[in-house]
Amino acid sequence: MPQKKNPQLSQDIVGIAAQGKALVPLAFEAINSHHEADGASEDMMRHAVFTELILSGDALARLNIVIPGLAVDAVRMKKNLLLTDGLIMSEAVMLGLAKYVGRQNAHEIVRRAAQTALEGDSSFMAVLLAEPSVSKVFDEKSLRILMDPSKYTGLSAQIARSAAISAREAVARDEN
């Protein structure tokens, strides 16, 4: 798409990752036949590992071009999150409601509410508040908290920090 920066490099990285995943069955096959004495398993594993190393290097070289140019527009991201009028947070609402009515019931209640909001003139919030099984456990304020995207990030920050630490440690080991 013309408006995107580095679309080909990003697409290449996705394709390279898919090729790497495709090598996993070959590596598993090599592990399964390791007891055989014909050397085929070593050849398969060598091919899988060497090919993956080449692919990984290629992906990293492309990432070194893409990542420095990465721009985060927090205002635009928030605007995009709000485009669905809360529908994007249906999972959070469902999980919150599940504590009171069970997961399957909560899923069905929230699914129906989402469909009603999409097909009608009412907001997702209004439809949820009109649903007795929702309004008996959540008022508008508590629903707004559930539907706040900034409060529904799970472990993503912790995972990102941990990955960054691991990457720095790996680079430090390689530099020594």
C-alpha atoms as a PDB file:
ATOM      1  CA  MET A   1       0.000   0.000   0.000  1.00  0.00           C
ATOM      2  CA  PRO A   2       1.496   3.321  -1.036  1.00  0.00           C
ATOM      3  CA  GLN A   3       0.935   5.098   2.295  1.00  0.00           C
ATOM      4  CA  LYS A   4       2.962   2.552   4.259  1.00  0.00           C
ATOM      5  CA  LYS A   5       6.661   2.921   5.011  1.00  0.00           C
ATOM      6  CA  ASN A   6       8.879  -0.083   4.260  1.00  0.00           C
ATOM      7  CA  PRO A   7       5.960  -2.384   3.393  1.00  0.00           C
ATOM      8  CA  GLN A   8       8.104  -4.721   1.306  1.00  0.00           C
ATOM      9  CA  LEU A   9      10.709  -5.164   4.033  1.00  0.00           C
ATOM     10  CA  SER A  10       7.988  -5.900   6.585  1.00  0.00           C
ATOM     11  CA  GLN A  11       6.321  -8.386   4.252  1.00  0.00           C
ATOM     12  CA  ASP A  12       9.696 -10.008   3.621  1.00  0.00           C
ATOM     13  CA  ILE A  13      10.225 -10.443   7.379  1.00  0.00           C
ATOM     14  CA  VAL A  14       6.848 -12.158   7.717  1.00  0.00           C
ATOM     15  CA  GLY A  15       7.704 -14.436   4.798  1.00  0.00           C
ATOM     16  CA  ILE A  16      11.121 -15.248   6.216  1.00  0.00           C
ATOM     17  CA  ALA A  17       9.528 -16.146   9.561  1.00  0.00           C
ATOM     18  CA  ALA A  18       7.130 -18.497   7.761  1.00  0.00           C
ATOM     19  CA  GLN A  19      10.039 -20.181   5.993  1.00  0.00           C
ATOM     20  CA  GLY A  20      11.761 -20.636   9.347  1.00  0.00           C
ATOM     21  CA  LYS A  21       8.658 -22.223  10.852  1.00  0.00           C
ATOM     22  CA  ALA A  22       8.488 -24.561   7.879  1.00  0.00           C
ATOM     23  CA  LEU A  23      11.876 -25.996   8.918  1.00  0.00           C
ATOM     24  CA  VAL A  24      10.560 -27.213  12.275  1.00  0.00           C
ATOM     25  CA  PRO A  25       9.079 -30.486  10.929  1.00  0.00           C
ATOM     26  CA  LEU A  26      12.413 -31.267   9.262  1.00  0.00           C
ATOM     27  CA  ALA A  27      14.238 -30.726  12.555  1.00  0.00           C
ATOM     28  CA  PHE A  28      11.696 -32.914  14.386  1.00  0.00           C
ATOM     29  CA  GLU A  29      12.155 -35.644  11.793  1.00  0.00           C
ATOM     30  CA  ALA A  30      15.905 -35.476  12.364  1.00  0.00           C
ATOM     31  CA  ILE A  31      15.374 -35.854  16.111  1.00  0.00           C
ATOM     32  CA  ASN A  32      13.014 -38.806  15.622  1.00  0.00           C
ATOM     33  CA  SER A  33      15.512 -40.730  13.519  1.00  0.00           C
ATOM     34  CA  HIS A  34      18.646 -39.837  15.472  1.00  0.00           C
ATOM     35  CA  HIS A  35      19.159 -43.460  16.484  1.00  0.00           C
ATOM     36  CA  GLU A  36      19.578 -44.501  12.848  1.00  0.00           C
ATOM     37  CA  ALA A  37      23.165 -44.953  11.710  1.00  0.00           C
ATOM     38  CA  ASP A  38      22.861 -43.732   8.108  1.00  0.00           C
ATOM     39  CA  GLY A  39      23.672 -40.084   8.827  1.00  0.00           C
ATOM     40  CA  ALA A  40      20.455 -38.827   7.285  1.00  0.00           C
ATOM     41  CA  SER A  41      19.325 -37.311  10.555  1.00  0.00           C
ATOM     42  CA  GLU A  42      22.532 -35.274  10.860  1.00  0.00           C
ATOM     43  CA  ASP A  43      22.131 -34.045   7.283  1.00  0.00           C
ATOM     44  CA  MET A  44      18.506 -33.039   7.915  1.00  0.00           C
ATOM     45  CA  MET A  45      19.371 -31.237  11.142  1.00  0.00           C
ATOM     46  CA  ARG A  46      22.373 -29.509   9.570  1.00  0.00           C
ATOM     47  CA  HIS A  47      20.197 -28.309   6.700  1.00  0.00           C
ATOM     48  CA  ALA A  48      17.463 -27.081   9.071  1.00  0.00           C
ATOM     49  CA  VAL A  49      19.890 -25.245  11.369  1.00  0.00           C
ATOM     50  CA  PHE A  50      22.038 -23.678   8.629  1.00  0.00           C
ATOM     51  CA  THR A  51      18.991 -22.584   6.654  1.00  0.00           C
ATOM     52  CA  GLU A  52      17.418 -21.102   9.786  1.00  0.00           C
ATOM     53  CA  LEU A  53      20.620 -19.212  10.569  1.00  0.00           C
ATOM     54  CA  ILE A  54      20.657 -17.705   7.084  1.00  0.00           C
ATOM     55  CA  LEU A  55      16.967 -16.809   7.308  1.00  0.00           C
ATOM     56  CA  SER A  56      17.387 -15.297  10.759  1.00  0.00           C
ATOM     57  CA  GLY A  57      20.317 -13.191   9.602  1.00  0.00           C
ATOM     58  CA  ASP A  58      18.301 -11.988   6.627  1.00  0.00           C
ATOM     59  CA  ALA A  59      15.329 -11.097   8.847  1.00  0.00           C
ATOM     60  CA  LEU A  60      17.590  -9.264  11.322  1.00  0.00           C
ATOM     61  CA  ALA A  61      19.236  -7.267   8.534  1.00  0.00           C
ATOM     62  CA  ARG A  62      15.795  -6.150   7.340  1.00  0.00           C
ATOM     63  CA  LEU A  63      14.672  -5.397  10.907  1.00  0.00           C
ATOM     64  CA  ASN A  64      17.742  -3.173  11.322  1.00  0.00           C
ATOM     65  CA  ILE A  65      16.353  -1.055   8.486  1.00  0.00           C
ATOM     66  CA  VAL A  66      12.711  -1.091   9.579  1.00  0.00           C
ATOM     67  CA  ILE A  67      12.981  -0.566  13.350  1.00  0.00           C
ATOM     68  CA  PRO A  68      14.967   2.710  13.393  1.00  0.00           C
ATOM     69  CA  GLY A  69      12.272   4.293  11.233  1.00  0.00           C
ATOM     70  CA  LEU A  70       9.451   3.031  13.417  1.00  0.00           C
ATOM     71  CA  ALA A  71       7.258   5.904  14.597  1.00  0.00           C
ATOM     72  CA  VAL A  72       4.624   5.579  17.293  1.00  0.00           C
ATOM     73  CA  ASP A  73       1.795   8.102  17.170  1.00  0.00           C
ATOM     74  CA  ALA A  74       0.124   7.587  20.548  1.00  0.00           C
ATOM     75  CA  VAL A  75      -2.642  10.105  19.831  1.00  0.00           C
ATOM     76  CA  ARG A  76      -3.554   8.387  16.571  1.00  0.00           C
ATOM     77  CA  MET A  77      -3.381   4.948  18.220  1.00  0.00           C
ATOM     78  CA  LYS A  78      -5.843   6.062  20.893  1.00  0.00           C
ATOM     79  CA  LYS A  79      -8.133   7.559  18.243  1.00  0.00           C
ATOM     80  CA  ASN A  80      -8.056   4.256  16.341  1.00  0.00           C
ATOM     81  CA  LEU A  81      -8.879   2.287  19.508  1.00  0.00           C
ATOM     82  CA  LEU A  82     -11.902   4.489  20.117  1.00  0.00           C
ATOM     83  CA  LEU A  83     -13.278   4.080  16.569  1.00  0.00           C
ATOM     84  CA  THR A  84     -15.286   1.004  17.558  1.00  0.00           C
ATOM     85  CA  ASP A  85     -17.092   2.824  20.387  1.00  0.00           C
ATOM     86  CA  GLY A  86     -15.945   0.201  22.881  1.00  0.00           C
ATOM     87  CA  LEU A  87     -16.514  -2.918  20.775  1.00  0.00           C
ATOM     88  CA  ILE A  88     -12.789  -3.597  20.665  1.00  0.00           C
ATOM     89  CA  MET A  89     -12.986  -4.169  24.415  1.00  0.00           C
ATOM     90  CA  SER A  90     -15.684  -6.833  24.230  1.00  0.00           C
ATOM     91  CA  GLU A  91     -13.240  -9.502  25.416  1.00  0.00           C
ATOM     92  CA  ALA A  92     -12.437  -7.513  28.564  1.00  0.00           C
ATOM     93  CA  VAL A  93     -16.145  -7.049  29.249  1.00  0.00           C
ATOM     94  CA  MET A  94     -16.769 -10.753  28.652  1.00  0.00           C
ATOM     95  CA  LEU A  95     -13.970 -11.788  31.020  1.00  0.00           C
ATOM     96  CA  GLY A  96     -15.178  -9.356  33.673  1.00  0.00           C
ATOM     97  CA  LEU A  97     -18.754 -10.583  33.364  1.00  0.00           C
ATOM     98  CA  ALA A  98     -17.648 -14.237  33.361  1.00  0.00           C
ATOM     99  CA  LYS A  99     -16.751 -13.948  37.051  1.00  0.00           C
ATOM    100  CA  TYR A 100     -20.465 -13.504  37.776  1.00  0.00           C
ATOM    101  CA  VAL A 101     -22.318 -15.519  35.133  1.00  0.00           C
ATOM    102  CA  GLY A 102     -19.745 -18.026  33.856  1.00  0.00           C
ATOM    103  CA  ARG A 103     -17.579 -17.761  30.770  1.00  0.00           C
ATOM    104  CA  GLN A 104     -19.967 -19.300  28.251  1.00  0.00           C
ATOM    105  CA  ASN A 105     -22.933 -17.212  29.410  1.00  0.00           C
ATOM    106  CA  ALA A 106     -20.799 -14.078  29.451  1.00  0.00           C
ATOM    107  CA  HIS A 107     -19.570 -14.824  25.943  1.00  0.00           C
ATOM    108  CA  GLU A 108     -23.113 -15.152  24.639  1.00  0.00           C
ATOM    109  CA  ILE A 109     -24.374 -12.032  26.441  1.00  0.00           C
ATOM    110  CA  VAL A 110     -21.506  -9.880  25.171  1.00  0.00           C
ATOM    111  CA  ARG A 111     -21.721 -11.353  21.658  1.00  0.00           C
ATOM    112  CA  ARG A 112     -25.426 -10.483  21.462  1.00  0.00           C
ATOM    113  CA  ALA A 113     -24.759  -6.995  22.818  1.00  0.00           C
ATOM    114  CA  ALA A 114     -21.998  -6.412  20.281  1.00  0.00           C
ATOM    115  CA  GLN A 115     -24.227  -7.534  17.412  1.00  0.00           C
ATOM    116  CA  THR A 116     -27.078  -5.345  18.622  1.00  0.00           C
ATOM    117  CA  ALA A 117     -24.751  -2.334  18.840  1.00  0.00           C
ATOM    118  CA  LEU A 118     -23.366  -2.999  15.367  1.00  0.00           C
ATOM    119  CA  GLU A 119     -26.782  -3.423  13.794  1.00  0.00           C
ATOM    120  CA  GLY A 120     -28.590  -0.646  15.647  1.00  0.00           C
ATOM    121  CA  ASP A 121     -28.303   2.953  16.738  1.00  0.00           C
ATOM    122  CA  SER A 122     -27.248   2.305  20.335  1.00  0.00           C
ATOM    123  CA  SER A 123     -23.696   2.318  21.615  1.00  0.00           C
ATOM    124  CA  PHE A 124     -22.123  -0.865  22.927  1.00  0.00           C
ATOM    125  CA  MET A 125     -22.123   0.689  26.412  1.00  0.00           C
ATOM    126  CA  ALA A 126     -25.860   1.481  26.199  1.00  0.00           C
ATOM    127  CA  VAL A 127     -26.703  -2.013  24.985  1.00  0.00           C
ATOM    128  CA  LEU A 128     -24.656  -3.578  27.777  1.00  0.00           C
ATOM    129  CA  LEU A 129     -26.283  -1.401  30.439  1.00  0.00           C
ATOM    130  CA  ALA A 130     -29.734  -2.334  29.090  1.00  0.00           C
ATOM    131  CA  GLU A 131     -28.909  -6.023  29.568  1.00  0.00           C
ATOM    132  CA  PRO A 132     -30.136  -7.042  33.070  1.00  0.00           C
ATOM    133  CA  SER A 133     -27.421  -9.646  33.624  1.00  0.00           C
ATOM    134  CA  VAL A 134     -24.804  -6.944  32.961  1.00  0.00           C
ATOM    135  CA  SER A 135     -26.412  -3.996  34.750  1.00  0.00           C
ATOM    136  CA  LYS A 136     -26.956  -6.024  37.896  1.00  0.00           C
ATOM    137  CA  VAL A 137     -23.174  -6.457  38.325  1.00  0.00           C
ATOM    138  CA  PHE A 138     -21.739  -3.383  36.550  1.00  0.00           C
ATOM    139  CA  ASP A 139     -22.732   0.254  36.621  1.00  0.00           C
ATOM    140  CA  GLU A 140     -21.639   2.677  33.902  1.00  0.00           C
ATOM    141  CA  LYS A 141     -18.479   3.692  35.765  1.00  0.00           C
ATOM    142  CA  SER A 142     -17.269   0.109  36.241  1.00  0.00           C
ATOM    143  CA  LEU A 143     -18.074  -0.700  32.601  1.00  0.00           C
ATOM    144  CA  ARG A 144     -16.079   2.336  31.465  1.00  0.00           C
ATOM    145  CA  ILE A 145     -13.123   1.027  33.460  1.00  0.00           C
ATOM    146  CA  LEU A 146     -13.503  -2.423  31.855  1.00  0.00           C
ATOM    147  CA  MET A 147     -13.735  -0.808  28.427  1.00  0.00           C
ATOM    148  CA  ASP A 148     -10.630   1.354  28.829  1.00  0.00           C
ATOM    149  CA  PRO A 149      -8.002  -0.021  26.403  1.00  0.00           C
ATOM    150  CA  SER A 150      -5.163   1.381  28.514  1.00  0.00           C
ATOM    151  CA  LYS A 151      -6.246  -0.848  31.403  1.00  0.00           C
ATOM    152  CA  TYR A 152      -6.317  -4.019  29.291  1.00  0.00           C
ATOM    153  CA  THR A 153      -2.710  -4.605  28.396  1.00  0.00           C
ATOM    154  CA  GLY A 154      -2.199  -7.769  30.395  1.00  0.00           C
ATOM    155  CA  LEU A 155       1.420  -8.814  30.698  1.00  0.00           C
ATOM    156  CA  SER A 156       2.541  -7.101  27.490  1.00  0.00           C
ATOM    157  CA  ALA A 157       4.740  -4.491  29.233  1.00  0.00           C
ATOM    158  CA  GLN A 158       6.376  -7.151  31.419  1.00  0.00           C
ATOM    159  CA  ILE A 159       6.933  -9.438  28.417  1.00  0.00           C
ATOM    160  CA  ALA A 160       8.434  -6.574  26.375  1.00  0.00           C
ATOM    161  CA  ARG A 161      10.794  -5.598  29.213  1.00  0.00           C
ATOM    162  CA  SER A 162      11.856  -9.209  29.701  1.00  0.00           C
ATOM    163  CA  ALA A 163      12.490  -9.651  25.958  1.00  0.00           C
ATOM    164  CA  ALA A 164      14.531  -6.439  25.867  1.00  0.00           C
ATOM    165  CA  ILE A 165      16.654  -7.601  28.810  1.00  0.00           C
ATOM    166  CA  SER A 166      17.221 -10.991  27.149  1.00  0.00           C
ATOM    167  CA  ALA A 167      18.180  -9.324  23.873  1.00  0.00           C
ATOM    168  CA  ARG A 168      20.656  -6.988  25.612  1.00  0.00           C
ATOM    169  CA  GLU A 169      22.198  -9.940  27.463  1.00  0.00           C
ATOM    170  CA  ALA A 170      22.530 -11.907  24.210  1.00  0.00           C
ATOM    171  CA  VAL A 171      24.211  -8.966  22.479  1.00  0.00           C
ATOM    172  CA  ALA A 172      26.566  -8.507  25.436  1.00  0.00           C
ATOM    173  CA  ARG A 173      27.524 -12.203  25.321  1.00  0.00           C
ATOM    174  CA  ASP A 174      28.179 -11.987  21.579  1.00  0.00           C
ATOM    175  CA  GLU A 175      30.344  -8.882  22.003  1.00  0.00           C
ATOM    176  CA  ASN A 176      32.616 -10.667  24.498  1.00  0.00           C
END
